[in-house]
Amino acid sequence: MDAVNGDDANNGLTTDTAKQTIQAAVDLLPARIPANVTVVVLPGTYPEQVNLDGISVAPDKSLHIVGDTTWSPASPGDPNVIITGADAVAPTTPVRNDGMLIANCAYVDVTGLMFQIWG
């Protein structure tokens, strides 16, 4: 995903054909994932709520949603990938309650994302 240069009409398979929203990439995933899959989220602010529902990954595999790969909980500062859960980049009140909702899923790993929900 590329919040600045992406386009949800793209196929999302390379950085040159990146989706603009995380949800558009998630929507491409099948309900059953038999192999390791990594969804790379480039630096930026993503004004959206991401919903993963009913995605099942094979027990010895995983779905990775990866943002800032240089950040760890021990790092100073925040990750450079921000999900606001709102429809504007810097709103004063959220449109949604969550930045990411994961329900009825198995073997999903999310790293390097910051959730900045106003309210």
PDB file of N, CA and C in Angstrom:
ATOM      1  N   MET A   1       0.826  -1.160   0.000  1.00  0.00           N
ATOM      2  CA  MET A   1       0.000   0.000   0.000  1.00  0.00           C
ATOM      3  C   MET A   1       0.874   1.227   0.000  1.00  0.00           C
ATOM      4  N   ASP A   2       0.379   2.249  -0.657  1.00  0.00           N
ATOM      5  CA  ASP A   2       1.088   3.520  -0.720  1.00  0.00           C
ATOM      6  C   ASP A   2       0.039   4.618  -0.603  1.00  0.00           C
ATOM      7  N   ALA A   3      -0.042   5.248   0.566  1.00  0.00           N
ATOM      8  CA  ALA A   3      -1.070   6.256   0.828  1.00  0.00           C
ATOM      9  C   ALA A   3      -0.942   7.466  -0.090  1.00  0.00           C
ATOM     10  N   VAL A   4       0.270   7.730  -0.596  1.00  0.00           N
ATOM     11  CA  VAL A   4       0.491   8.917  -1.424  1.00  0.00           C
ATOM     12  C   VAL A   4       0.370   8.606  -2.906  1.00  0.00           C
ATOM     13  N   ASN A   5       1.062   7.583  -3.388  1.00  0.00           N
ATOM     14  CA  ASN A   5       1.124   7.308  -4.824  1.00  0.00           C
ATOM     15  C   ASN A   5       0.303   6.108  -5.271  1.00  0.00           C
ATOM     16  N   GLY A   6      -0.319   5.420  -4.344  1.00  0.00           N
ATOM     17  CA  GLY A   6      -1.100   4.239  -4.700  1.00  0.00           C
ATOM     18  C   GLY A   6      -2.438   4.584  -5.322  1.00  0.00           C
ATOM     19  N   ASP A   7      -3.066   3.568  -5.884  1.00  0.00           N
ATOM     20  CA  ASP A   7      -4.390   3.709  -6.497  1.00  0.00           C
ATOM     21  C   ASP A   7      -5.121   2.394  -6.278  1.00  0.00           C
ATOM     22  N   ASP A   8      -6.299   2.449  -5.699  1.00  0.00           N
ATOM     23  CA  ASP A   8      -7.036   1.216  -5.422  1.00  0.00           C
ATOM     24  C   ASP A   8      -7.458   0.484  -6.686  1.00  0.00           C
ATOM     25  N   ALA A   9      -7.350   1.131  -7.847  1.00  0.00           N
ATOM     26  CA  ALA A   9      -7.630   0.459  -9.115  1.00  0.00           C
ATOM     27  C   ALA A   9      -6.438  -0.398  -9.565  1.00  0.00           C
ATOM     28  N   ASN A  10      -5.264  -0.195  -8.965  1.00  0.00           N
ATOM     29  CA  ASN A  10      -4.081  -0.999  -9.289  1.00  0.00           C
ATOM     30  C   ASN A  10      -4.258  -2.427  -8.779  1.00  0.00           C
ATOM     31  N   ASN A  11      -3.385  -3.336  -9.273  1.00  0.00           N
ATOM     32  CA  ASN A  11      -3.492  -4.735  -8.828  1.00  0.00           C
ATOM     33  C   ASN A  11      -2.841  -4.979  -7.468  1.00  0.00           C
ATOM     34  N   GLY A  12      -1.990  -4.069  -6.995  1.00  0.00           N
ATOM     35  CA  GLY A  12      -1.407  -4.194  -5.671  1.00  0.00           C
ATOM     36  C   GLY A  12      -0.287  -5.206  -5.542  1.00  0.00           C
ATOM     37  N   LEU A  13       0.246  -5.697  -6.638  1.00  0.00           N
ATOM     38  CA  LEU A  13       1.258  -6.758  -6.576  1.00  0.00           C
ATOM     39  C   LEU A  13       2.694  -6.252  -6.463  1.00  0.00           C
ATOM     40  N   THR A  14       2.942  -4.981  -6.792  1.00  0.00           N
ATOM     41  CA  THR A  14       4.287  -4.407  -6.689  1.00  0.00           C
ATOM     42  C   THR A  14       4.172  -2.990  -6.127  1.00  0.00           C
ATOM     43  N   THR A  15       5.316  -2.391  -5.769  1.00  0.00           N
ATOM     44  CA  THR A  15       5.269  -1.004  -5.292  1.00  0.00           C
ATOM     45  C   THR A  15       4.840  -0.053  -6.403  1.00  0.00           C
ATOM     46  N   ASP A  16       5.139  -0.389  -7.654  1.00  0.00           N
ATOM     47  CA  ASP A  16       4.712   0.456  -8.777  1.00  0.00           C
ATOM     48  C   ASP A  16       3.213   0.363  -9.042  1.00  0.00           C
ATOM     49  N   THR A  17       2.594  -0.733  -8.610  1.00  0.00           N
ATOM     50  CA  THR A  17       1.150  -0.909  -8.819  1.00  0.00           C
ATOM     51  C   THR A  17       0.440  -1.065  -7.468  1.00  0.00           C
ATOM     52  N   ALA A  18       0.919  -0.290  -6.483  1.00  0.00           N
ATOM     53  CA  ALA A  18       0.397  -0.393  -5.126  1.00  0.00           C
ATOM     54  C   ALA A  18      -1.044   0.098  -5.017  1.00  0.00           C
ATOM     55  N   LYS A  19      -1.769  -0.496  -4.098  1.00  0.00           N
ATOM     56  CA  LYS A  19      -3.085   0.000  -3.712  1.00  0.00           C
ATOM     57  C   LYS A  19      -2.878   1.261  -2.865  1.00  0.00           C
ATOM     58  N   GLN A  20      -3.896   2.106  -2.777  1.00  0.00           N
ATOM     59  CA  GLN A  20      -3.793   3.296  -1.939  1.00  0.00           C
ATOM     60  C   GLN A  20      -4.234   3.033  -0.506  1.00  0.00           C
ATOM     61  N   THR A  21      -5.179   2.107  -0.332  1.00  0.00           N
ATOM     62  CA  THR A  21      -5.683   1.829   1.000  1.00  0.00           C
ATOM     63  C   THR A  21      -5.345   0.400   1.423  1.00  0.00           C
ATOM     64  N   ILE A  22      -5.201   0.223   2.706  1.00  0.00           N
ATOM     65  CA  ILE A  22      -4.925  -1.103   3.246  1.00  0.00           C
ATOM     66  C   ILE A  22      -6.125  -2.010   3.020  1.00  0.00           C
ATOM     67  N   GLN A  23      -7.325  -1.462   3.180  1.00  0.00           N
ATOM     68  CA  GLN A  23      -8.530  -2.267   3.002  1.00  0.00           C
ATOM     69  C   GLN A  23      -8.622  -2.830   1.593  1.00  0.00           C
ATOM     70  N   ALA A  24      -8.233  -2.058   0.583  1.00  0.00           N
ATOM     71  CA  ALA A  24      -8.276  -2.561  -0.797  1.00  0.00           C
ATOM     72  C   ALA A  24      -7.360  -3.770  -0.971  1.00  0.00           C
ATOM     73  N   ALA A  25      -6.217  -3.768  -0.295  1.00  0.00           N
ATOM     74  CA  ALA A  25      -5.309  -4.920  -0.367  1.00  0.00           C
ATOM     75  C   ALA A  25      -5.880  -6.101   0.397  1.00  0.00           C
ATOM     76  N   VAL A  26      -6.432  -5.845   1.563  1.00  0.00           N
ATOM     77  CA  VAL A  26      -7.026  -6.913   2.362  1.00  0.00           C
ATOM     78  C   VAL A  26      -8.184  -7.561   1.600  1.00  0.00           C
ATOM     79  N   ASP A  27      -8.938  -6.758   0.878  1.00  0.00           N
ATOM     80  CA  ASP A  27     -10.072  -7.286   0.119  1.00  0.00           C
ATOM     81  C   ASP A  27      -9.651  -8.258  -0.984  1.00  0.00           C
ATOM     82  N   LEU A  28      -8.380  -8.231  -1.376  1.00  0.00           N
ATOM     83  CA  LEU A  28      -7.871  -9.166  -2.386  1.00  0.00           C
ATOM     84  C   LEU A  28      -7.586 -10.554  -1.805  1.00  0.00           C
ATOM     85  N   LEU A  29      -7.470 -10.644  -0.488  1.00  0.00           N
ATOM     86  CA  LEU A  29      -7.099 -11.906   0.146  1.00  0.00           C
ATOM     87  C   LEU A  29      -8.256 -12.903   0.118  1.00  0.00           C
ATOM     88  N   PRO A  30      -7.936 -14.158  -0.142  1.00  0.00           N
ATOM     89  CA  PRO A  30      -8.990 -15.188  -0.077  1.00  0.00           C
ATOM     90  C   PRO A  30      -9.331 -15.491   1.382  1.00  0.00           C
ATOM     91  N   ALA A  31     -10.452 -16.124   1.612  1.00  0.00           N
ATOM     92  CA  ALA A  31     -10.865 -16.468   2.973  1.00  0.00           C
ATOM     93  C   ALA A  31      -9.941 -17.515   3.594  1.00  0.00           C
ATOM     94  N   ARG A  32      -9.335 -18.365   2.780  1.00  0.00           N
ATOM     95  CA  ARG A  32      -8.418 -19.406   3.253  1.00  0.00           C
ATOM     96  C   ARG A  32      -7.059 -19.188   2.597  1.00  0.00           C
ATOM     97  N   ILE A  33      -6.034 -18.999   3.396  1.00  0.00           N
ATOM     98  CA  ILE A  33      -4.690 -18.733   2.874  1.00  0.00           C
ATOM     99  C   ILE A  33      -3.804 -19.942   3.182  1.00  0.00           C
ATOM    100  N   PRO A  34      -3.334 -20.665   2.136  1.00  0.00           N
ATOM    101  CA  PRO A  34      -2.549 -21.877   2.355  1.00  0.00           C
ATOM    102  C   PRO A  34      -1.034 -21.651   2.416  1.00  0.00           C
ATOM    103  N   ALA A  35      -0.576 -20.412   2.223  1.00  0.00           N
ATOM    104  CA  ALA A  35       0.856 -20.124   2.192  1.00  0.00           C
ATOM    105  C   ALA A  35       1.135 -18.856   2.996  1.00  0.00           C
ATOM    106  N   ASN A  36       2.411 -18.597   3.279  1.00  0.00           N
ATOM    107  CA  ASN A  36       2.774 -17.346   3.937  1.00  0.00           C
ATOM    108  C   ASN A  36       2.471 -16.179   2.997  1.00  0.00           C
ATOM    109  N   VAL A  37       1.837 -15.148   3.524  1.00  0.00           N
ATOM    110  CA  VAL A  37       1.501 -13.957   2.740  1.00  0.00           C
ATOM    111  C   VAL A  37       1.933 -12.738   3.543  1.00  0.00           C
ATOM    112  N   THR A  38       2.592 -11.786   2.864  1.00  0.00           N
ATOM    113  CA  THR A  38       2.992 -10.533   3.507  1.00  0.00           C
ATOM    114  C   THR A  38       2.365  -9.375   2.751  1.00  0.00           C
ATOM    115  N   VAL A  39       1.671  -8.528   3.494  1.00  0.00           N
ATOM    116  CA  VAL A  39       1.100  -7.301   2.945  1.00  0.00           C
ATOM    117  C   VAL A  39       1.981  -6.170   3.465  1.00  0.00           C
ATOM    118  N   VAL A  40       2.668  -5.461   2.553  1.00  0.00           N
ATOM    119  CA  VAL A  40       3.589  -4.400   2.929  1.00  0.00           C
ATOM    120  C   VAL A  40       2.862  -3.062   2.841  1.00  0.00           C
ATOM    121  N   VAL A  41       2.924  -2.295   3.935  1.00  0.00           N
ATOM    122  CA  VAL A  41       2.293  -0.989   4.000  1.00  0.00           C
ATOM    123  C   VAL A  41       3.398   0.058   4.050  1.00  0.00           C
ATOM    124  N   LEU A  42       3.490   0.894   3.014  1.00  0.00           N
ATOM    125  CA  LEU A  42       4.535   1.911   2.950  1.00  0.00           C
ATOM    126  C   LEU A  42       4.237   3.057   3.918  1.00  0.00           C
ATOM    127  N   PRO A  43       5.278   3.835   4.292  1.00  0.00           N
ATOM    128  CA  PRO A  43       5.075   4.933   5.230  1.00  0.00           C
ATOM    129  C   PRO A  43       3.982   5.896   4.768  1.00  0.00           C
ATOM    130  N   GLY A  44       3.214   6.387   5.731  1.00  0.00           N
ATOM    131  CA  GLY A  44       2.170   7.353   5.433  1.00  0.00           C
ATOM    132  C   GLY A  44       1.049   7.257   6.437  1.00  0.00           C
ATOM    133  N   THR A  45       0.061   8.112   6.248  1.00  0.00           N
ATOM    134  CA  THR A  45      -1.133   8.113   7.091  1.00  0.00           C
ATOM    135  C   THR A  45      -2.280   7.541   6.287  1.00  0.00           C
ATOM    136  N   TYR A  46      -2.938   6.556   6.838  1.00  0.00           N
ATOM    137  CA  TYR A  46      -4.033   5.856   6.172  1.00  0.00           C
ATOM    138  C   TYR A  46      -5.333   6.183   6.916  1.00  0.00           C
ATOM    139  N   PRO A  47      -6.136   7.087   6.354  1.00  0.00           N
ATOM    140  CA  PRO A  47      -7.381   7.498   7.013  1.00  0.00           C
ATOM    141  C   PRO A  47      -8.508   6.511   6.722  1.00  0.00           C
ATOM    142  N   GLU A  48      -8.472   5.390   7.397  1.00  0.00           N
ATOM    143  CA  GLU A  48      -9.440   4.328   7.130  1.00  0.00           C
ATOM    144  C   GLU A  48      -9.539   3.406   8.328  1.00  0.00           C
ATOM    145  N   GLN A  49     -10.583   2.632   8.357  1.00  0.00           N
ATOM    146  CA  GLN A  49     -10.673   1.502   9.279  1.00  0.00           C
ATOM    147  C   GLN A  49     -10.452   0.267   8.441  1.00  0.00           C
ATOM    148  N   VAL A  50      -9.554  -0.603   8.874  1.00  0.00           N
ATOM    149  CA  VAL A  50      -9.260  -1.828   8.155  1.00  0.00           C
ATOM    150  C   VAL A  50     -10.013  -2.974   8.832  1.00  0.00           C
ATOM    151  N   ASN A  51     -10.763  -3.737   8.053  1.00  0.00           N
ATOM    152  CA  ASN A  51     -11.543  -4.851   8.578  1.00  0.00           C
ATOM    153  C   ASN A  51     -11.055  -6.164   7.981  1.00  0.00           C
ATOM    154  N   LEU A  52     -10.596  -7.050   8.838  1.00  0.00           N
ATOM    155  CA  LEU A  52     -10.252  -8.413   8.446  1.00  0.00           C
ATOM    156  C   LEU A  52     -11.255  -9.316   9.135  1.00  0.00           C
ATOM    157  N   ASP A  53     -12.014 -10.038   8.371  1.00  0.00           N
ATOM    158  CA  ASP A  53     -13.031 -10.890   8.972  1.00  0.00           C
ATOM    159  C   ASP A  53     -13.081 -12.220   8.229  1.00  0.00           C
ATOM    160  N   GLY A  54     -12.945 -13.299   8.976  1.00  0.00           N
ATOM    161  CA  GLY A  54     -13.097 -14.627   8.408  1.00  0.00           C
ATOM    162  C   GLY A  54     -11.922 -15.106   7.581  1.00  0.00           C
ATOM    163  N   ILE A  55     -10.732 -14.562   7.812  1.00  0.00           N
ATOM    164  CA  ILE A  55      -9.546 -15.025   7.087  1.00  0.00           C
ATOM    165  C   ILE A  55      -8.879 -16.109   7.918  1.00  0.00           C
ATOM    166  N   SER A  56      -8.723 -17.268   7.331  1.00  0.00           N
ATOM    167  CA  SER A  56      -8.110 -18.392   8.014  1.00  0.00           C
ATOM    168  C   SER A  56      -6.829 -18.766   7.290  1.00  0.00           C
ATOM    169  N   VAL A  57      -5.748 -18.816   8.036  1.00  0.00           N
ATOM    170  CA  VAL A  57      -4.445 -19.138   7.473  1.00  0.00           C
ATOM    171  C   VAL A  57      -4.065 -20.539   7.946  1.00  0.00           C
ATOM    172  N   ALA A  58      -3.459 -21.319   7.073  1.00  0.00           N
ATOM    173  CA  ALA A  58      -3.016 -22.668   7.438  1.00  0.00           C
ATOM    174  C   ALA A  58      -2.164 -22.603   8.703  1.00  0.00           C
ATOM    175  N   PRO A  59      -2.284 -23.581   9.608  1.00  0.00           N
ATOM    176  CA  PRO A  59      -1.603 -23.530  10.908  1.00  0.00           C
ATOM    177  C   PRO A  59      -0.097 -23.312  10.860  1.00  0.00           C
ATOM    178  N   ASP A  60       0.583 -23.816   9.862  1.00  0.00           N
ATOM    179  CA  ASP A  60       2.031 -23.633   9.805  1.00  0.00           C
ATOM    180  C   ASP A  60       2.432 -22.436   8.945  1.00  0.00           C
ATOM    181  N   LYS A  61       1.469 -21.587   8.575  1.00  0.00           N
ATOM    182  CA  LYS A  61       1.709 -20.404   7.738  1.00  0.00           C
ATOM    183  C   LYS A  61       1.194 -19.171   8.469  1.00  0.00           C
ATOM    184  N   SER A  62       1.408 -17.982   7.885  1.00  0.00           N
ATOM    185  CA  SER A  62       0.885 -16.776   8.527  1.00  0.00           C
ATOM    186  C   SER A  62       0.644 -15.670   7.509  1.00  0.00           C
ATOM    187  N   LEU A  63      -0.247 -14.787   7.901  1.00  0.00           N
ATOM    188  CA  LEU A  63      -0.518 -13.564   7.154  1.00  0.00           C
ATOM    189  C   LEU A  63       0.147 -12.442   7.937  1.00  0.00           C
ATOM    190  N   HIS A  64       1.112 -11.768   7.317  1.00  0.00           N
ATOM    191  CA  HIS A  64       1.835 -10.667   7.949  1.00  0.00           C
ATOM    192  C   HIS A  64       1.362  -9.362   7.319  1.00  0.00           C
ATOM    193  N   ILE A  65       0.935  -8.430   8.129  1.00  0.00           N
ATOM    194  CA  ILE A  65       0.664  -7.070   7.669  1.00  0.00           C
ATOM    195  C   ILE A  65       1.763  -6.230   8.291  1.00  0.00           C
ATOM    196  N   VAL A  66       2.671  -5.733   7.450  1.00  0.00           N
ATOM    197  CA  VAL A  66       3.911  -5.126   7.915  1.00  0.00           C
ATOM    198  C   VAL A  66       3.980  -3.661   7.510  1.00  0.00           C
ATOM    199  N   GLY A  67       4.181  -2.807   8.501  1.00  0.00           N
ATOM    200  CA  GLY A  67       4.358  -1.377   8.260  1.00  0.00           C
ATOM    201  C   GLY A  67       5.818  -1.001   8.379  1.00  0.00           C
ATOM    202  N   ASP A  68       6.142  -0.197   9.362  1.00  0.00           N
ATOM    203  CA  ASP A  68       7.496   0.317   9.575  1.00  0.00           C
ATOM    204  C   ASP A  68       8.410  -0.803  10.063  1.00  0.00           C
ATOM    205  N   THR A  69       9.272  -1.296   9.178  1.00  0.00           N
ATOM    206  CA  THR A  69      10.152  -2.420   9.519  1.00  0.00           C
ATOM    207  C   THR A  69      11.337  -1.988  10.384  1.00  0.00           C
ATOM    208  N   THR A  70      11.591  -0.668  10.502  1.00  0.00           N
ATOM    209  CA  THR A  70      12.708  -0.193  11.324  1.00  0.00           C
ATOM    210  C   THR A  70      12.278   0.051  12.767  1.00  0.00           C
ATOM    211  N   TRP A  71      10.982  -0.012  13.038  1.00  0.00           N
ATOM    212  CA  TRP A  71      10.449   0.283  14.369  1.00  0.00           C
ATOM    213  C   TRP A  71      10.275  -0.990  15.190  1.00  0.00           C
ATOM    214  N   SER A  72      10.498  -0.879  16.494  1.00  0.00           N
ATOM    215  CA  SER A  72      10.185  -1.957  17.433  1.00  0.00           C
ATOM    216  C   SER A  72       9.661  -1.296  18.704  1.00  0.00           C
ATOM    217  N   PRO A  73       9.057  -2.049  19.600  1.00  0.00           N
ATOM    218  CA  PRO A  73       8.585  -1.445  20.848  1.00  0.00           C
ATOM    219  C   PRO A  73       9.701  -0.745  21.645  1.00  0.00           C
ATOM    220  N   ALA A  74      10.940  -1.134  21.420  1.00  0.00           N
ATOM    221  CA  ALA A  74      12.067  -0.501  22.114  1.00  0.00           C
ATOM    222  C   ALA A  74      12.561   0.755  21.392  1.00  0.00           C
ATOM    223  N   SER A  75      12.049   1.030  20.197  1.00  0.00           N
ATOM    224  CA  SER A  75      12.487   2.182  19.419  1.00  0.00           C
ATOM    225  C   SER A  75      11.967   3.482  20.018  1.00  0.00           C
ATOM    226  N   PRO A  76      12.746   4.553  19.886  1.00  0.00           N
ATOM    227  CA  PRO A  76      12.204   5.854  20.290  1.00  0.00           C
ATOM    228  C   PRO A  76      11.197   6.317  19.223  1.00  0.00           C
ATOM    229  N   GLY A  77      10.189   7.040  19.627  1.00  0.00           N
ATOM    230  CA  GLY A  77       9.215   7.561  18.666  1.00  0.00           C
ATOM    231  C   GLY A  77       8.209   6.508  18.244  1.00  0.00           C
ATOM    232  N   ASP A  78       7.451   6.868  17.232  1.00  0.00           N
ATOM    233  CA  ASP A  78       6.360   6.038  16.744  1.00  0.00           C
ATOM    234  C   ASP A  78       6.669   5.471  15.362  1.00  0.00           C
ATOM    235  N   PRO A  79       5.972   4.406  14.967  1.00  0.00           N
ATOM    236  CA  PRO A  79       6.125   3.894  13.597  1.00  0.00           C
ATOM    237  C   PRO A  79       5.725   4.963  12.575  1.00  0.00           C
ATOM    238  N   ASN A  80       6.262   4.851  11.355  1.00  0.00           N
ATOM    239  CA  ASN A  80       5.940   5.837  10.320  1.00  0.00           C
ATOM    240  C   ASN A  80       4.731   5.440   9.479  1.00  0.00           C
ATOM    241  N   VAL A  81       3.990   4.450   9.920  1.00  0.00           N
ATOM    242  CA  VAL A  81       2.733   4.047   9.286  1.00  0.00           C
ATOM    243  C   VAL A  81       1.630   4.269  10.318  1.00  0.00           C
ATOM    244  N   ILE A  82       0.679   5.142   9.979  1.00  0.00           N
ATOM    245  CA  ILE A  82      -0.371   5.527  10.917  1.00  0.00           C
ATOM    246  C   ILE A  82      -1.732   5.229  10.310  1.00  0.00           C
ATOM    247  N   ILE A  83      -2.572   4.538  11.078  1.00  0.00           N
ATOM    248  CA  ILE A  83      -3.956   4.297  10.672  1.00  0.00           C
ATOM    249  C   ILE A  83      -4.827   5.122  11.606  1.00  0.00           C
ATOM    250  N   THR A  84      -5.635   6.020  11.027  1.00  0.00           N
ATOM    251  CA  THR A  84      -6.401   6.943  11.860  1.00  0.00           C
ATOM    252  C   THR A  84      -7.820   6.485  12.151  1.00  0.00           C
ATOM    253  N   GLY A  85      -8.366   5.566  11.354  1.00  0.00           N
ATOM    254  CA  GLY A  85      -9.744   5.152  11.571  1.00  0.00           C
ATOM    255  C   GLY A  85     -10.744   6.212  11.174  1.00  0.00           C
ATOM    256  N   ALA A  86     -10.307   7.255  10.451  1.00  0.00           N
ATOM    257  CA  ALA A  86     -11.182   8.358  10.058  1.00  0.00           C
ATOM    258  C   ALA A  86     -11.084   8.609   8.557  1.00  0.00           C
ATOM    259  N   ASP A  87     -11.944   9.466   8.056  1.00  0.00           N
ATOM    260  CA  ASP A  87     -11.968   9.740   6.622  1.00  0.00           C
ATOM    261  C   ASP A  87     -11.073  10.888   6.185  1.00  0.00           C
ATOM    262  N   ALA A  88     -10.428  11.562   7.100  1.00  0.00           N
ATOM    263  CA  ALA A  88      -9.520  12.654   6.755  1.00  0.00           C
ATOM    264  C   ALA A  88      -8.186  12.396   7.443  1.00  0.00           C
ATOM    265  N   VAL A  89      -7.119  12.995   6.914  1.00  0.00           N
ATOM    266  CA  VAL A  89      -5.787  12.736   7.450  1.00  0.00           C
ATOM    267  C   VAL A  89      -5.619  13.305   8.858  1.00  0.00           C
ATOM    268  N   ALA A  90      -6.204  14.437   9.163  1.00  0.00           N
ATOM    269  CA  ALA A  90      -6.048  15.034  10.494  1.00  0.00           C
ATOM    270  C   ALA A  90      -7.384  15.551  11.023  1.00  0.00           C
ATOM    271  N   PRO A  91      -8.340  14.658  11.255  1.00  0.00           N
ATOM    272  CA  PRO A  91      -9.632  15.115  11.769  1.00  0.00           C
ATOM    273  C   PRO A  91      -9.582  15.385  13.267  1.00  0.00           C
ATOM    274  N   THR A  92     -10.565  16.058  13.758  1.00  0.00           N
ATOM    275  CA  THR A  92     -10.645  16.277  15.200  1.00  0.00           C
ATOM    276  C   THR A  92     -11.514  15.230  15.868  1.00  0.00           C
ATOM    277  N   THR A  93     -12.387  14.582  15.111  1.00  0.00           N
ATOM    278  CA  THR A  93     -13.191  13.487  15.663  1.00  0.00           C
ATOM    279  C   THR A  93     -13.204  12.340  14.657  1.00  0.00           C
ATOM    280  N   PRO A  94     -13.206  11.115  15.150  1.00  0.00           N
ATOM    281  CA  PRO A  94     -13.180   9.974  14.235  1.00  0.00           C
ATOM    282  C   PRO A  94     -14.543   9.714  13.603  1.00  0.00           C
ATOM    283  N   VAL A  95     -14.504   9.106  12.441  1.00  0.00           N
ATOM    284  CA  VAL A  95     -15.720   8.653  11.799  1.00  0.00           C
ATOM    285  C   VAL A  95     -16.024   7.241  12.263  1.00  0.00           C
ATOM    286  N   ARG A  96     -14.995   6.493  12.638  1.00  0.00           N
ATOM    287  CA  ARG A  96     -15.143   5.109  13.099  1.00  0.00           C
ATOM    288  C   ARG A  96     -14.485   4.952  14.461  1.00  0.00           C
ATOM    289  N   ASN A  97     -14.816   3.901  15.149  1.00  0.00           N
ATOM    290  CA  ASN A  97     -14.262   3.679  16.485  1.00  0.00           C
ATOM    291  C   ASN A  97     -12.916   2.981  16.486  1.00  0.00           C
ATOM    292  N   ASP A  98     -12.591   2.252  15.423  1.00  0.00           N
ATOM    293  CA  ASP A  98     -11.383   1.430  15.401  1.00  0.00           C
ATOM    294  C   ASP A  98     -10.521   1.766  14.197  1.00  0.00           C
ATOM    295  N   GLY A  99      -9.212   1.557  14.342  1.00  0.00           N
ATOM    296  CA  GLY A  99      -8.314   1.667  13.207  1.00  0.00           C
ATOM    297  C   GLY A  99      -8.229   0.350  12.454  1.00  0.00           C
ATOM    298  N   MET A 100      -8.322  -0.760  13.205  1.00  0.00           N
ATOM    299  CA  MET A 100      -8.286  -2.084  12.586  1.00  0.00           C
ATOM    300  C   MET A 100      -9.148  -3.027  13.406  1.00  0.00           C
ATOM    301  N   LEU A 101      -9.990  -3.767  12.724  1.00  0.00           N
ATOM    302  CA  LEU A 101     -10.845  -4.752  13.367  1.00  0.00           C
ATOM    303  C   LEU A 101     -10.497  -6.121  12.783  1.00  0.00           C
ATOM    304  N   ILE A 102     -10.039  -7.024  13.639  1.00  0.00           N
ATOM    305  CA  ILE A 102      -9.702  -8.381  13.212  1.00  0.00           C
ATOM    306  C   ILE A 102     -10.654  -9.324  13.937  1.00  0.00           C
ATOM    307  N   ALA A 103     -11.487 -10.015  13.167  1.00  0.00           N
ATOM    308  CA  ALA A 103     -12.480 -10.910  13.761  1.00  0.00           C
ATOM    309  C   ALA A 103     -12.525 -12.228  12.998  1.00  0.00           C
ATOM    310  N   ASN A 104     -12.694 -13.327  13.726  1.00  0.00           N
ATOM    311  CA  ASN A 104     -12.834 -14.647  13.111  1.00  0.00           C
ATOM    312  C   ASN A 104     -11.658 -14.990  12.201  1.00  0.00           C
ATOM    313  N   CYS A 105     -10.459 -14.625  12.636  1.00  0.00           N
ATOM    314  CA  CYS A 105      -9.248 -14.880  11.852  1.00  0.00           C
ATOM    315  C   CYS A 105      -8.276 -15.721  12.677  1.00  0.00           C
ATOM    316  N   ALA A 106      -7.356 -16.370  11.981  1.00  0.00           N
ATOM    317  CA  ALA A 106      -6.325 -17.148  12.655  1.00  0.00           C
ATOM    318  C   ALA A 106      -4.983 -16.894  11.982  1.00  0.00           C
ATOM    319  N   TYR A 107      -3.916 -16.850  12.796  1.00  0.00           N
ATOM    320  CA  TYR A 107      -2.537 -16.712  12.316  1.00  0.00           C
ATOM    321  C   TYR A 107      -2.296 -15.422  11.544  1.00  0.00           C
ATOM    322  N   VAL A 108      -2.796 -14.306  12.079  1.00  0.00           N
ATOM    323  CA  VAL A 108      -2.581 -12.985  11.491  1.00  0.00           C
ATOM    324  C   VAL A 108      -1.617 -12.227  12.394  1.00  0.00           C
ATOM    325  N   ASP A 109      -0.569 -11.652  11.798  1.00  0.00           N
ATOM    326  CA  ASP A 109       0.465 -10.924  12.529  1.00  0.00           C
ATOM    327  C   ASP A 109       0.508  -9.498  11.985  1.00  0.00           C
ATOM    328  N   VAL A 110       0.415  -8.511  12.865  1.00  0.00           N
ATOM    329  CA  VAL A 110       0.436  -7.101  12.471  1.00  0.00           C
ATOM    330  C   VAL A 110       1.594  -6.435  13.198  1.00  0.00           C
ATOM    331  N   THR A 111       2.513  -5.799  12.445  1.00  0.00           N
ATOM    332  CA  THR A 111       3.660  -5.129  13.057  1.00  0.00           C
ATOM    333  C   THR A 111       3.936  -3.803  12.377  1.00  0.00           C
ATOM    334  N   GLY A 112       4.523  -2.876  13.142  1.00  0.00           N
ATOM    335  CA  GLY A 112       4.986  -1.611  12.589  1.00  0.00           C
ATOM    336  C   GLY A 112       3.890  -0.635  12.205  1.00  0.00           C
ATOM    337  N   LEU A 113       2.713  -0.733  12.825  1.00  0.00           N
ATOM    338  CA  LEU A 113       1.617   0.186  12.560  1.00  0.00           C
ATOM    339  C   LEU A 113       1.282   0.940  13.834  1.00  0.00           C
ATOM    340  N   MET A 114       0.911   2.202  13.691  1.00  0.00           N
ATOM    341  CA  MET A 114       0.439   2.990  14.825  1.00  0.00           C
ATOM    342  C   MET A 114      -1.023   3.320  14.582  1.00  0.00           C
ATOM    343  N   PHE A 115      -1.845   3.152  15.596  1.00  0.00           N
ATOM    344  CA  PHE A 115      -3.262   3.479  15.503  1.00  0.00           C
ATOM    345  C   PHE A 115      -3.502   4.771  16.249  1.00  0.00           C
ATOM    346  N   GLN A 116      -3.958   5.770  15.522  1.00  0.00           N
ATOM    347  CA  GLN A 116      -4.155   7.107  16.096  1.00  0.00           C
ATOM    348  C   GLN A 116      -5.643   7.437  15.969  1.00  0.00           C
ATOM    349  N   ILE A 117      -6.393   7.085  17.003  1.00  0.00           N
ATOM    350  CA  ILE A 117      -7.834   7.253  16.985  1.00  0.00           C
ATOM    351  C   ILE A 117      -8.178   8.442  17.884  1.00  0.00           C
ATOM    352  N   TRP A 118      -8.885   9.417  17.322  1.00  0.00           N
ATOM    353  CA  TRP A 118      -9.297  10.579  18.090  1.00  0.00           C
ATOM    354  C   TRP A 118     -10.620  10.317  18.772  1.00  0.00           C
ATOM    355  N   GLY A 119     -10.839  10.954  19.882  1.00  0.00           N
ATOM    356  CA  GLY A 119     -12.137  10.852  20.523  1.00  0.00           C
ATOM    357  C   GLY A 119     -12.066  11.056  21.999  1.00  0.00           C
TER     358      GLY A 119
END
